[in-house]
Amino acid sequence: MTDARTEILRRIRAAAVPPAAAPPRHYLRDAPGLDETDRPAVLALFAERLTEYGATVLRADEAGTAVAQALEGARSVVVPAGLPDEWTAGWDGEVRADLPPLSNAQLDATDAVLTSCTAAVAESGTLILDGGPGQGRRAATLLPDLHVCVVHADQVHSALPGALAALDPAHPLTFVSGPSATADIEMIRVKGVHGPRRLVVILLP
């Protein structure tokens, strides 16, 4: 019995897969070929990626006028707590504060949602929201058909590693890369399946 046990253990050890090598630590922290300090290039890449996804990018010096332009055609917009009042001051539609929280039915019946963000990634054209002031609940950014997001230039990082330093993993993080879309069914691209069909990003200095 002992000899059989010894033989079985010998065979297991002989067949064991060697330990995996340690993960490399020299991965790129910036987008390939892009210097994080070259801010015009970083912002240009960010706008390019968003446009490729079907989002609209508005470059503006201040948010108010651009928000009114982005919300053209919308009748109502939901705004999370902590969003600056002046962002919607020049727009004549109905502003619905999400405090107390609106029901899912009320959110679904609202044309748009206006938020800020915590960080953004140029390489992938991604917005990152963490539920903080001006960003609100995840449901509020998923149910309206239009999402307008105001991004400050210093929030845009060339690649994800740089953005991670600005995030708190204890917060509920939402990553948005373009309008919601899927091609799961017969490879036909359909917008608005998991969130807003339209995304407008207002990029401020």
N, C-alpha and C. Protein backbone atom coordinates (compact mmCIF):
# COMPACT_ATOMS: atom_id res chain seq x y z
N MET A 1 0.83 -1.20 0.00
CA MET A 1 0.00 0.00 0.00
C MET A 1 0.87 1.26 0.00
N THR A 2 1.92 1.22 0.83
CA THR A 2 2.81 2.37 0.92
C THR A 2 3.53 2.60 -0.39
N ASP A 3 3.97 1.48 -1.03
CA ASP A 3 4.66 1.61 -2.31
C ASP A 3 3.74 2.20 -3.38
N ALA A 4 2.46 1.79 -3.37
CA ALA A 4 1.51 2.32 -4.35
C ALA A 4 1.29 3.81 -4.14
N ARG A 5 1.16 4.20 -2.88
CA ARG A 5 0.97 5.63 -2.57
C ARG A 5 2.17 6.44 -3.01
N THR A 6 3.35 5.93 -2.74
CA THR A 6 4.57 6.62 -3.12
C THR A 6 4.66 6.79 -4.64
N GLU A 7 4.28 5.73 -5.36
CA GLU A 7 4.33 5.78 -6.82
C GLU A 7 3.33 6.79 -7.37
N ILE A 8 2.12 6.82 -6.78
CA ILE A 8 1.10 7.78 -7.23
C ILE A 8 1.58 9.20 -7.02
N LEU A 9 2.13 9.49 -5.85
CA LEU A 9 2.63 10.84 -5.57
C LEU A 9 3.79 11.21 -6.48
N ARG A 10 4.63 10.23 -6.80
CA ARG A 10 5.76 10.48 -7.70
C ARG A 10 5.26 10.90 -9.08
N ARG A 11 4.23 10.20 -9.55
CA ARG A 11 3.68 10.51 -10.87
C ARG A 11 3.01 11.89 -10.89
N ILE A 12 2.34 12.23 -9.78
CA ILE A 12 1.69 13.55 -9.69
C ILE A 12 2.74 14.65 -9.74
N ARG A 13 3.80 14.49 -8.98
CA ARG A 13 4.85 15.51 -8.97
C ARG A 13 5.52 15.63 -10.33
N ALA A 14 5.69 14.49 -11.01
CA ALA A 14 6.34 14.52 -12.32
C ALA A 14 5.48 15.22 -13.36
N ALA A 15 4.15 15.13 -13.16
CA ALA A 15 3.23 15.73 -14.14
C ALA A 15 2.84 17.15 -13.79
N ALA A 16 3.24 17.63 -12.62
CA ALA A 16 2.83 18.96 -12.17
C ALA A 16 3.37 20.04 -13.10
N VAL A 17 2.53 21.03 -13.36
CA VAL A 17 2.93 22.16 -14.20
C VAL A 17 3.83 23.08 -13.38
N PRO A 18 4.95 23.50 -13.93
CA PRO A 18 5.84 24.40 -13.17
C PRO A 18 5.15 25.72 -12.86
N PRO A 19 5.55 26.39 -11.81
CA PRO A 19 4.92 27.67 -11.44
C PRO A 19 5.03 28.68 -12.57
N ALA A 20 3.97 29.49 -12.72
CA ALA A 20 3.96 30.51 -13.77
C ALA A 20 5.00 31.58 -13.46
N ALA A 21 5.55 32.13 -14.50
CA ALA A 21 6.53 33.21 -14.33
C ALA A 21 5.84 34.44 -13.73
N ALA A 22 6.59 35.24 -13.02
CA ALA A 22 6.04 36.46 -12.43
C ALA A 22 5.56 37.39 -13.54
N PRO A 23 4.43 38.07 -13.32
CA PRO A 23 3.92 38.97 -14.37
C PRO A 23 4.89 40.12 -14.62
N PRO A 24 5.04 40.53 -15.87
CA PRO A 24 5.96 41.63 -16.19
C PRO A 24 5.48 42.93 -15.56
N ARG A 25 6.41 43.77 -15.19
CA ARG A 25 6.09 45.06 -14.58
C ARG A 25 6.52 46.23 -15.45
N HIS A 26 6.94 45.95 -16.68
CA HIS A 26 7.43 47.01 -17.54
C HIS A 26 6.42 47.35 -18.63
N TYR A 27 5.13 47.07 -18.37
CA TYR A 27 4.11 47.36 -19.38
C TYR A 27 3.98 48.87 -19.59
N LEU A 28 3.47 49.21 -20.77
CA LEU A 28 3.33 50.62 -21.12
C LEU A 28 2.31 51.31 -20.23
N ARG A 29 2.65 52.46 -19.73
CA ARG A 29 1.72 53.24 -18.92
C ARG A 29 1.06 54.34 -19.74
N ASP A 30 1.58 54.60 -20.92
CA ASP A 30 0.99 55.58 -21.84
C ASP A 30 0.58 54.86 -23.12
N ALA A 31 -0.29 55.49 -23.89
CA ALA A 31 -0.67 54.92 -25.17
C ALA A 31 0.58 54.82 -26.05
N PRO A 32 0.72 53.73 -26.83
CA PRO A 32 1.91 53.55 -27.66
C PRO A 32 2.16 54.75 -28.57
N GLY A 33 3.41 55.22 -28.53
CA GLY A 33 3.80 56.32 -29.39
C GLY A 33 3.26 57.67 -28.98
N LEU A 34 2.70 57.74 -27.79
CA LEU A 34 2.10 59.01 -27.34
C LEU A 34 2.68 59.42 -26.00
N ASP A 35 3.14 60.65 -25.92
CA ASP A 35 3.70 61.19 -24.68
C ASP A 35 2.56 61.82 -23.87
N GLU A 36 2.41 61.36 -22.63
CA GLU A 36 1.33 61.87 -21.76
C GLU A 36 1.41 63.38 -21.61
N THR A 37 2.60 63.95 -21.69
CA THR A 37 2.75 65.40 -21.51
C THR A 37 2.37 66.17 -22.77
N ASP A 38 2.20 65.48 -23.89
CA ASP A 38 1.77 66.15 -25.12
C ASP A 38 0.24 66.24 -25.09
N ARG A 39 -0.26 67.22 -24.37
CA ARG A 39 -1.69 67.29 -24.12
C ARG A 39 -2.53 67.46 -25.39
N PRO A 40 -2.14 68.29 -26.35
CA PRO A 40 -2.94 68.38 -27.58
C PRO A 40 -3.09 67.03 -28.28
N ALA A 41 -2.01 66.24 -28.31
CA ALA A 41 -2.07 64.93 -28.95
C ALA A 41 -2.97 63.97 -28.18
N VAL A 42 -2.90 64.01 -26.86
CA VAL A 42 -3.74 63.15 -26.03
C VAL A 42 -5.22 63.48 -26.24
N LEU A 43 -5.54 64.76 -26.23
CA LEU A 43 -6.93 65.17 -26.40
C LEU A 43 -7.43 64.88 -27.81
N ALA A 44 -6.55 65.03 -28.80
CA ALA A 44 -6.93 64.72 -30.18
C ALA A 44 -7.25 63.24 -30.33
N LEU A 45 -6.44 62.38 -29.70
CA LEU A 45 -6.69 60.94 -29.75
C LEU A 45 -8.00 60.59 -29.05
N PHE A 46 -8.25 61.22 -27.92
CA PHE A 46 -9.50 61.01 -27.18
C PHE A 46 -10.71 61.34 -28.04
N ALA A 47 -10.69 62.50 -28.69
CA ALA A 47 -11.79 62.90 -29.56
C ALA A 47 -11.93 61.97 -30.76
N GLU A 48 -10.80 61.54 -31.29
CA GLU A 48 -10.83 60.64 -32.45
C GLU A 48 -11.48 59.30 -32.10
N ARG A 49 -11.09 58.73 -30.96
CA ARG A 49 -11.64 57.44 -30.55
C ARG A 49 -13.15 57.56 -30.28
N LEU A 50 -13.57 58.62 -29.62
CA LEU A 50 -14.99 58.81 -29.34
C LEU A 50 -15.79 58.91 -30.65
N THR A 51 -15.25 59.65 -31.60
CA THR A 51 -15.92 59.80 -32.88
C THR A 51 -16.03 58.46 -33.61
N GLU A 52 -14.98 57.66 -33.53
CA GLU A 52 -15.00 56.34 -34.16
C GLU A 52 -16.11 55.47 -33.59
N TYR A 53 -16.41 55.65 -32.29
CA TYR A 53 -17.46 54.87 -31.64
C TYR A 53 -18.87 55.39 -31.97
N GLY A 54 -18.94 56.56 -32.59
CA GLY A 54 -20.25 57.12 -32.91
C GLY A 54 -20.71 58.18 -31.93
N ALA A 55 -19.82 58.61 -31.03
CA ALA A 55 -20.16 59.69 -30.10
C ALA A 55 -19.90 61.03 -30.78
N THR A 56 -20.48 62.08 -30.21
CA THR A 56 -20.26 63.45 -30.69
C THR A 56 -19.37 64.17 -29.68
N VAL A 57 -18.35 64.85 -30.17
CA VAL A 57 -17.43 65.58 -29.29
C VAL A 57 -17.57 67.07 -29.57
N LEU A 58 -17.81 67.84 -28.51
CA LEU A 58 -17.90 69.30 -28.62
C LEU A 58 -16.76 69.90 -27.81
N ARG A 59 -15.88 70.66 -28.47
CA ARG A 59 -14.82 71.36 -27.76
C ARG A 59 -15.35 72.74 -27.40
N ALA A 60 -15.24 73.14 -26.13
CA ALA A 60 -15.82 74.40 -25.68
C ALA A 60 -14.95 75.01 -24.58
N ASP A 61 -15.07 76.32 -24.41
CA ASP A 61 -14.34 77.02 -23.35
C ASP A 61 -15.11 77.00 -22.04
N GLU A 62 -16.44 76.88 -22.12
CA GLU A 62 -17.26 76.78 -20.91
C GLU A 62 -18.44 75.85 -21.20
N ALA A 63 -19.01 75.29 -20.13
CA ALA A 63 -19.98 74.22 -20.30
C ALA A 63 -21.36 74.69 -20.73
N GLY A 64 -21.82 75.82 -20.23
CA GLY A 64 -23.21 76.24 -20.41
C GLY A 64 -23.70 76.23 -21.84
N THR A 65 -23.02 76.94 -22.73
CA THR A 65 -23.45 77.02 -24.12
C THR A 65 -23.38 75.66 -24.80
N ALA A 66 -22.32 74.89 -24.51
CA ALA A 66 -22.15 73.58 -25.12
C ALA A 66 -23.23 72.61 -24.65
N VAL A 67 -23.61 72.70 -23.37
CA VAL A 67 -24.67 71.83 -22.85
C VAL A 67 -25.98 72.12 -23.58
N ALA A 68 -26.31 73.40 -23.76
CA ALA A 68 -27.53 73.77 -24.48
C ALA A 68 -27.50 73.22 -25.90
N GLN A 69 -26.34 73.25 -26.53
CA GLN A 69 -26.20 72.70 -27.88
C GLN A 69 -26.37 71.18 -27.87
N ALA A 70 -25.76 70.52 -26.90
CA ALA A 70 -25.84 69.07 -26.82
C ALA A 70 -27.26 68.58 -26.54
N LEU A 71 -28.03 69.39 -25.80
CA LEU A 71 -29.39 68.99 -25.42
C LEU A 71 -30.44 69.48 -26.42
N GLU A 72 -30.01 70.03 -27.53
CA GLU A 72 -30.96 70.51 -28.53
C GLU A 72 -31.87 69.37 -28.98
N GLY A 73 -33.17 69.60 -28.92
CA GLY A 73 -34.14 68.59 -29.29
C GLY A 73 -34.66 67.80 -28.12
N ALA A 74 -33.95 67.82 -26.98
CA ALA A 74 -34.42 67.13 -25.77
C ALA A 74 -35.38 68.03 -25.01
N ARG A 75 -36.35 67.43 -24.36
CA ARG A 75 -37.32 68.19 -23.58
C ARG A 75 -37.04 68.14 -22.09
N SER A 76 -36.32 67.12 -21.66
CA SER A 76 -36.05 66.96 -20.23
C SER A 76 -34.68 66.32 -20.03
N VAL A 77 -34.05 66.67 -18.92
CA VAL A 77 -32.74 66.11 -18.60
C VAL A 77 -32.69 65.84 -17.10
N VAL A 78 -32.10 64.72 -16.71
CA VAL A 78 -31.90 64.42 -15.30
C VAL A 78 -30.48 64.82 -14.93
N VAL A 79 -30.35 65.46 -13.78
CA VAL A 79 -29.03 65.90 -13.31
C VAL A 79 -28.78 65.32 -11.92
N PRO A 80 -27.60 64.77 -11.69
CA PRO A 80 -27.27 64.23 -10.37
C PRO A 80 -26.89 65.33 -9.40
N ALA A 81 -26.92 65.02 -8.13
CA ALA A 81 -26.52 65.98 -7.10
C ALA A 81 -25.06 66.36 -7.30
N GLY A 82 -24.76 67.63 -7.08
CA GLY A 82 -23.39 68.11 -7.18
C GLY A 82 -23.02 68.66 -8.53
N LEU A 83 -23.96 68.63 -9.49
CA LEU A 83 -23.67 69.19 -10.81
C LEU A 83 -23.84 70.70 -10.76
N PRO A 84 -22.92 71.48 -11.30
CA PRO A 84 -23.04 72.95 -11.26
C PRO A 84 -24.33 73.44 -11.93
N ASP A 85 -25.07 74.32 -11.26
CA ASP A 85 -26.33 74.83 -11.80
C ASP A 85 -26.14 75.59 -13.10
N GLU A 86 -24.98 76.24 -13.25
CA GLU A 86 -24.77 77.06 -14.45
C GLU A 86 -24.67 76.21 -15.72
N TRP A 87 -24.43 74.93 -15.58
CA TRP A 87 -24.34 74.08 -16.76
C TRP A 87 -25.67 73.99 -17.50
N THR A 88 -26.77 74.12 -16.79
CA THR A 88 -28.09 74.02 -17.42
C THR A 88 -28.83 75.35 -17.44
N ALA A 89 -28.18 76.42 -16.97
CA ALA A 89 -28.85 77.72 -16.86
C ALA A 89 -29.29 78.27 -18.22
N GLY A 90 -28.56 77.96 -19.27
CA GLY A 90 -28.90 78.49 -20.59
C GLY A 90 -29.78 77.59 -21.42
N TRP A 91 -30.29 76.53 -20.81
CA TRP A 91 -31.14 75.59 -21.54
C TRP A 91 -32.57 75.73 -21.04
N ASP A 92 -33.56 75.73 -21.93
CA ASP A 92 -34.93 76.04 -21.52
C ASP A 92 -35.82 74.82 -21.35
N GLY A 93 -35.25 73.62 -21.30
CA GLY A 93 -36.04 72.41 -21.07
C GLY A 93 -36.25 72.14 -19.59
N GLU A 94 -36.86 71.01 -19.28
CA GLU A 94 -37.14 70.64 -17.88
C GLU A 94 -35.92 69.95 -17.28
N VAL A 95 -35.45 70.48 -16.16
CA VAL A 95 -34.32 69.89 -15.46
C VAL A 95 -34.86 69.09 -14.27
N ARG A 96 -34.60 67.80 -14.25
CA ARG A 96 -35.10 66.93 -13.19
C ARG A 96 -33.96 66.50 -12.29
N ALA A 97 -33.97 66.98 -11.06
CA ALA A 97 -32.94 66.59 -10.10
C ALA A 97 -33.18 65.15 -9.64
N ASP A 98 -32.13 64.38 -9.55
CA ASP A 98 -32.24 62.99 -9.11
C ASP A 98 -32.10 62.89 -7.60
N LEU A 99 -32.81 63.75 -6.90
CA LEU A 99 -32.76 63.79 -5.44
C LEU A 99 -34.09 64.33 -4.91
N PRO A 100 -34.93 63.47 -4.29
CA PRO A 100 -34.71 62.05 -4.06
C PRO A 100 -34.65 61.28 -5.37
N PRO A 101 -34.10 60.06 -5.34
CA PRO A 101 -33.90 59.32 -6.58
C PRO A 101 -35.19 59.13 -7.38
N LEU A 102 -35.11 59.42 -8.67
CA LEU A 102 -36.24 59.19 -9.55
C LEU A 102 -36.42 57.69 -9.76
N SER A 103 -37.65 57.29 -10.03
CA SER A 103 -37.92 55.88 -10.30
C SER A 103 -37.36 55.51 -11.66
N ASN A 104 -37.22 54.21 -11.91
CA ASN A 104 -36.74 53.76 -13.21
C ASN A 104 -37.68 54.23 -14.32
N ALA A 105 -38.97 54.23 -14.05
CA ALA A 105 -39.94 54.68 -15.05
C ALA A 105 -39.74 56.17 -15.35
N GLN A 106 -39.47 56.97 -14.32
CA GLN A 106 -39.24 58.39 -14.52
C GLN A 106 -37.95 58.64 -15.30
N LEU A 107 -36.91 57.86 -14.99
CA LEU A 107 -35.65 57.99 -15.72
C LEU A 107 -35.83 57.60 -17.18
N ASP A 108 -36.57 56.54 -17.41
CA ASP A 108 -36.78 56.06 -18.77
C ASP A 108 -37.59 57.07 -19.59
N ALA A 109 -38.43 57.84 -18.90
CA ALA A 109 -39.26 58.84 -19.59
C ALA A 109 -38.53 60.17 -19.77
N THR A 110 -37.31 60.27 -19.27
CA THR A 110 -36.51 61.49 -19.41
C THR A 110 -35.63 61.37 -20.65
N ASP A 111 -35.53 62.45 -21.41
CA ASP A 111 -34.83 62.40 -22.69
C ASP A 111 -33.32 62.24 -22.55
N ALA A 112 -32.74 62.87 -21.52
CA ALA A 112 -31.28 62.91 -21.44
C ALA A 112 -30.81 62.90 -20.00
N VAL A 113 -29.52 62.63 -19.82
CA VAL A 113 -28.86 62.75 -18.53
C VAL A 113 -27.57 63.54 -18.75
N LEU A 114 -27.28 64.43 -17.81
CA LEU A 114 -26.07 65.26 -17.88
C LEU A 114 -25.19 64.94 -16.70
N THR A 115 -23.92 64.60 -16.95
CA THR A 115 -23.01 64.25 -15.86
C THR A 115 -21.62 64.84 -16.11
N SER A 116 -20.81 64.76 -15.07
CA SER A 116 -19.37 64.96 -15.21
C SER A 116 -18.75 63.57 -15.19
N CYS A 117 -17.44 63.47 -15.00
CA CYS A 117 -16.80 62.15 -14.88
C CYS A 117 -15.62 62.27 -13.93
N THR A 118 -15.04 61.13 -13.58
CA THR A 118 -13.87 61.12 -12.70
C THR A 118 -12.58 61.14 -13.49
N ALA A 119 -12.56 60.39 -14.59
CA ALA A 119 -11.38 60.31 -15.44
C ALA A 119 -11.80 59.85 -16.83
N ALA A 120 -10.87 59.92 -17.77
CA ALA A 120 -11.14 59.46 -19.13
C ALA A 120 -9.85 58.90 -19.72
N VAL A 121 -10.01 58.01 -20.70
CA VAL A 121 -8.87 57.34 -21.32
C VAL A 121 -8.87 57.63 -22.82
N ALA A 122 -7.81 58.26 -23.30
CA ALA A 122 -7.74 58.64 -24.71
C ALA A 122 -7.60 57.43 -25.62
N GLU A 123 -6.76 56.48 -25.25
CA GLU A 123 -6.47 55.33 -26.11
C GLU A 123 -7.73 54.55 -26.48
N SER A 124 -8.67 54.45 -25.56
CA SER A 124 -9.89 53.68 -25.81
C SER A 124 -11.13 54.55 -25.92
N GLY A 125 -10.99 55.87 -25.78
CA GLY A 125 -12.15 56.75 -25.83
C GLY A 125 -13.15 56.44 -24.73
N THR A 126 -12.65 56.24 -23.53
CA THR A 126 -13.48 55.78 -22.41
C THR A 126 -13.69 56.86 -21.36
N LEU A 127 -14.93 56.98 -20.89
CA LEU A 127 -15.28 57.82 -19.76
C LEU A 127 -15.40 56.92 -18.53
N ILE A 128 -14.95 57.42 -17.38
CA ILE A 128 -15.04 56.65 -16.15
C ILE A 128 -15.80 57.46 -15.12
N LEU A 129 -16.91 56.92 -14.64
CA LEU A 129 -17.74 57.55 -13.62
C LEU A 129 -17.68 56.71 -12.35
N ASP A 130 -17.64 57.37 -11.19
CA ASP A 130 -17.57 56.62 -9.93
C ASP A 130 -18.71 56.94 -8.97
N GLY A 131 -19.77 57.58 -9.48
CA GLY A 131 -20.91 57.87 -8.61
C GLY A 131 -20.71 59.07 -7.71
N GLY A 132 -19.62 59.82 -7.89
CA GLY A 132 -19.35 60.97 -7.05
C GLY A 132 -20.20 62.17 -7.44
N PRO A 133 -19.95 63.34 -6.84
CA PRO A 133 -20.72 64.56 -7.16
C PRO A 133 -20.71 64.85 -8.65
N GLY A 134 -21.90 65.12 -9.19
CA GLY A 134 -22.03 65.42 -10.60
C GLY A 134 -22.07 64.19 -11.49
N GLN A 135 -21.97 63.01 -10.91
CA GLN A 135 -21.97 61.78 -11.72
C GLN A 135 -23.19 60.90 -11.45
N GLY A 136 -23.61 60.86 -10.22
CA GLY A 136 -24.87 60.20 -9.88
C GLY A 136 -24.87 58.69 -9.95
N ARG A 137 -26.08 58.15 -9.92
CA ARG A 137 -26.28 56.70 -9.90
C ARG A 137 -26.09 56.09 -11.29
N ARG A 138 -25.72 54.83 -11.30
CA ARG A 138 -25.54 54.13 -12.57
C ARG A 138 -26.85 54.09 -13.36
N ALA A 139 -27.97 53.86 -12.69
CA ALA A 139 -29.26 53.76 -13.38
C ALA A 139 -29.58 55.05 -14.14
N ALA A 140 -29.21 56.18 -13.56
CA ALA A 140 -29.53 57.47 -14.19
C ALA A 140 -28.74 57.67 -15.48
N THR A 141 -27.60 57.00 -15.62
CA THR A 141 -26.80 57.13 -16.84
C THR A 141 -27.11 56.04 -17.86
N LEU A 142 -27.99 55.11 -17.50
CA LEU A 142 -28.31 54.00 -18.40
C LEU A 142 -29.67 54.11 -19.07
N LEU A 143 -30.63 54.72 -18.40
CA LEU A 143 -32.01 54.68 -18.90
C LEU A 143 -32.37 55.80 -19.88
N PRO A 144 -31.97 57.05 -19.68
CA PRO A 144 -32.26 58.07 -20.70
C PRO A 144 -31.57 57.74 -22.03
N ASP A 145 -32.14 58.22 -23.12
CA ASP A 145 -31.63 57.88 -24.46
C ASP A 145 -30.36 58.64 -24.83
N LEU A 146 -30.12 59.78 -24.18
CA LEU A 146 -28.96 60.62 -24.49
C LEU A 146 -28.15 60.86 -23.22
N HIS A 147 -26.85 60.63 -23.30
CA HIS A 147 -25.94 60.93 -22.19
C HIS A 147 -25.00 62.04 -22.63
N VAL A 148 -25.04 63.16 -21.91
CA VAL A 148 -24.13 64.27 -22.15
C VAL A 148 -23.15 64.30 -20.99
N CYS A 149 -21.86 64.19 -21.29
CA CYS A 149 -20.84 64.14 -20.24
C CYS A 149 -19.83 65.26 -20.45
N VAL A 150 -19.58 66.02 -19.39
CA VAL A 150 -18.61 67.12 -19.43
C VAL A 150 -17.28 66.61 -18.88
N VAL A 151 -16.23 66.76 -19.69
CA VAL A 151 -14.91 66.27 -19.33
C VAL A 151 -13.92 67.43 -19.37
N HIS A 152 -13.12 67.57 -18.32
CA HIS A 152 -12.06 68.58 -18.30
C HIS A 152 -10.78 67.95 -18.86
N ALA A 153 -10.02 68.75 -19.58
CA ALA A 153 -8.83 68.24 -20.27
C ALA A 153 -7.88 67.51 -19.33
N ASP A 154 -7.73 68.01 -18.10
CA ASP A 154 -6.77 67.37 -17.20
C ASP A 154 -7.26 66.04 -16.65
N GLN A 155 -8.51 65.66 -16.97
CA GLN A 155 -9.03 64.35 -16.56
C GLN A 155 -8.72 63.27 -17.58
N VAL A 156 -8.23 63.67 -18.75
CA VAL A 156 -7.99 62.71 -19.83
C VAL A 156 -6.56 62.18 -19.74
N HIS A 157 -6.42 60.86 -19.62
CA HIS A 157 -5.13 60.20 -19.57
C HIS A 157 -4.92 59.46 -20.89
N SER A 158 -3.68 59.31 -21.31
CA SER A 158 -3.43 58.68 -22.61
C SER A 158 -3.82 57.21 -22.61
N ALA A 159 -3.63 56.51 -21.47
CA ALA A 159 -3.94 55.09 -21.38
C ALA A 159 -4.53 54.77 -20.01
N LEU A 160 -5.06 53.57 -19.87
CA LEU A 160 -5.74 53.17 -18.64
C LEU A 160 -4.86 53.22 -17.39
N PRO A 161 -3.59 52.76 -17.42
CA PRO A 161 -2.79 52.81 -16.19
C PRO A 161 -2.74 54.18 -15.55
N GLY A 162 -2.66 55.23 -16.36
CA GLY A 162 -2.63 56.57 -15.80
C GLY A 162 -3.93 56.95 -15.14
N ALA A 163 -5.04 56.49 -15.71
CA ALA A 163 -6.35 56.81 -15.14
C ALA A 163 -6.62 56.07 -13.84
N LEU A 164 -6.05 54.87 -13.70
CA LEU A 164 -6.32 54.06 -12.51
C LEU A 164 -5.90 54.78 -11.23
N ALA A 165 -4.86 55.60 -11.32
CA ALA A 165 -4.38 56.31 -10.13
C ALA A 165 -5.40 57.31 -9.63
N ALA A 166 -6.32 57.74 -10.50
CA ALA A 166 -7.34 58.72 -10.10
C ALA A 166 -8.60 58.06 -9.57
N LEU A 167 -8.65 56.73 -9.55
CA LEU A 167 -9.86 56.02 -9.18
C LEU A 167 -9.77 55.43 -7.78
N ASP A 168 -10.92 55.36 -7.12
CA ASP A 168 -11.03 54.71 -5.82
C ASP A 168 -11.76 53.38 -6.04
N PRO A 169 -11.10 52.23 -5.85
CA PRO A 169 -11.74 50.95 -6.13
C PRO A 169 -12.93 50.66 -5.22
N ALA A 170 -13.07 51.43 -4.15
CA ALA A 170 -14.22 51.23 -3.25
C ALA A 170 -15.49 51.84 -3.82
N HIS A 171 -15.36 52.69 -4.87
CA HIS A 171 -16.52 53.33 -5.48
C HIS A 171 -17.04 52.46 -6.63
N PRO A 172 -18.34 52.59 -6.95
CA PRO A 172 -18.90 51.83 -8.07
C PRO A 172 -18.47 52.45 -9.40
N LEU A 173 -17.57 51.82 -10.10
CA LEU A 173 -17.00 52.38 -11.32
C LEU A 173 -17.80 51.96 -12.54
N THR A 174 -18.08 52.93 -13.40
CA THR A 174 -18.76 52.67 -14.68
C THR A 174 -17.86 53.15 -15.80
N PHE A 175 -17.56 52.27 -16.75
CA PHE A 175 -16.71 52.59 -17.89
C PHE A 175 -17.61 52.73 -19.13
N VAL A 176 -17.54 53.87 -19.78
CA VAL A 176 -18.39 54.14 -20.94
C VAL A 176 -17.50 54.40 -22.15
N SER A 177 -17.60 53.53 -23.15
CA SER A 177 -16.83 53.72 -24.38
C SER A 177 -17.82 53.86 -25.54
N GLY A 178 -18.25 55.07 -25.78
CA GLY A 178 -19.19 55.33 -26.87
C GLY A 178 -20.63 55.02 -26.49
N PRO A 179 -21.56 55.29 -27.40
CA PRO A 179 -22.97 54.96 -27.15
C PRO A 179 -23.13 53.46 -26.95
N SER A 180 -24.16 53.07 -26.23
CA SER A 180 -24.42 51.65 -26.01
C SER A 180 -24.75 50.97 -27.33
N ALA A 181 -24.13 49.82 -27.57
CA ALA A 181 -24.39 49.08 -28.80
C ALA A 181 -23.97 47.64 -28.64
N THR A 182 -24.57 46.76 -29.42
CA THR A 182 -24.19 45.35 -29.43
C THR A 182 -24.35 44.81 -30.85
N ALA A 183 -23.56 43.78 -31.15
CA ALA A 183 -23.69 43.09 -32.44
C ALA A 183 -23.83 41.59 -32.19
N ASP A 184 -24.37 41.24 -31.03
CA ASP A 184 -24.48 39.83 -30.65
C ASP A 184 -25.44 39.05 -31.55
N ILE A 185 -26.47 39.70 -32.05
CA ILE A 185 -27.49 39.01 -32.83
C ILE A 185 -27.17 39.14 -34.32
N GLU A 186 -26.73 38.03 -34.93
CA GLU A 186 -26.44 37.96 -36.35
C GLU A 186 -25.46 39.04 -36.81
N MET A 187 -24.60 39.49 -35.89
CA MET A 187 -23.56 40.48 -36.20
C MET A 187 -24.12 41.77 -36.76
N ILE A 188 -25.35 42.09 -36.39
CA ILE A 188 -25.97 43.36 -36.79
C ILE A 188 -25.85 44.34 -35.63
N ARG A 189 -25.21 45.47 -35.86
CA ARG A 189 -24.98 46.45 -34.80
C ARG A 189 -26.29 47.15 -34.45
N VAL A 190 -26.66 47.06 -33.18
CA VAL A 190 -27.89 47.68 -32.68
C VAL A 190 -27.52 48.61 -31.53
N LYS A 191 -27.96 49.85 -31.60
CA LYS A 191 -27.65 50.83 -30.56
C LYS A 191 -28.73 50.85 -29.48
N GLY A 192 -28.30 51.23 -28.28
CA GLY A 192 -29.24 51.45 -27.19
C GLY A 192 -29.71 50.21 -26.47
N VAL A 193 -28.99 49.10 -26.61
CA VAL A 193 -29.44 47.86 -25.97
C VAL A 193 -29.18 47.89 -24.46
N HIS A 194 -28.01 48.36 -24.07
CA HIS A 194 -27.63 48.34 -22.66
C HIS A 194 -27.53 49.73 -22.04
N GLY A 195 -27.89 50.76 -22.78
CA GLY A 195 -27.77 52.11 -22.27
C GLY A 195 -28.14 53.11 -23.34
N PRO A 196 -27.71 54.37 -23.19
CA PRO A 196 -28.09 55.43 -24.14
C PRO A 196 -27.64 55.14 -25.57
N ARG A 197 -28.50 55.48 -26.53
CA ARG A 197 -28.14 55.33 -27.94
C ARG A 197 -27.21 56.44 -28.40
N ARG A 198 -27.26 57.58 -27.69
CA ARG A 198 -26.46 58.73 -28.11
C ARG A 198 -25.59 59.21 -26.96
N LEU A 199 -24.35 59.56 -27.30
CA LEU A 199 -23.40 60.08 -26.31
C LEU A 199 -22.77 61.35 -26.87
N VAL A 200 -22.84 62.42 -26.10
CA VAL A 200 -22.19 63.68 -26.45
C VAL A 200 -21.18 64.01 -25.34
N VAL A 201 -19.93 64.19 -25.72
CA VAL A 201 -18.88 64.55 -24.76
C VAL A 201 -18.48 65.99 -24.98
N ILE A 202 -18.58 66.79 -23.94
CA ILE A 202 -18.17 68.19 -23.98
C ILE A 202 -16.78 68.27 -23.35
N LEU A 203 -15.80 68.64 -24.16
CA LEU A 203 -14.42 68.67 -23.70
C LEU A 203 -14.02 70.10 -23.40
N LEU A 204 -13.74 70.35 -22.13
CA LEU A 204 -13.36 71.69 -21.66
C LEU A 204 -11.85 71.78 -21.46
N PRO A 205 -11.28 72.99 -21.49
CA PRO A 205 -9.84 73.16 -21.28
C PRO A 205 -9.42 72.67 -19.89
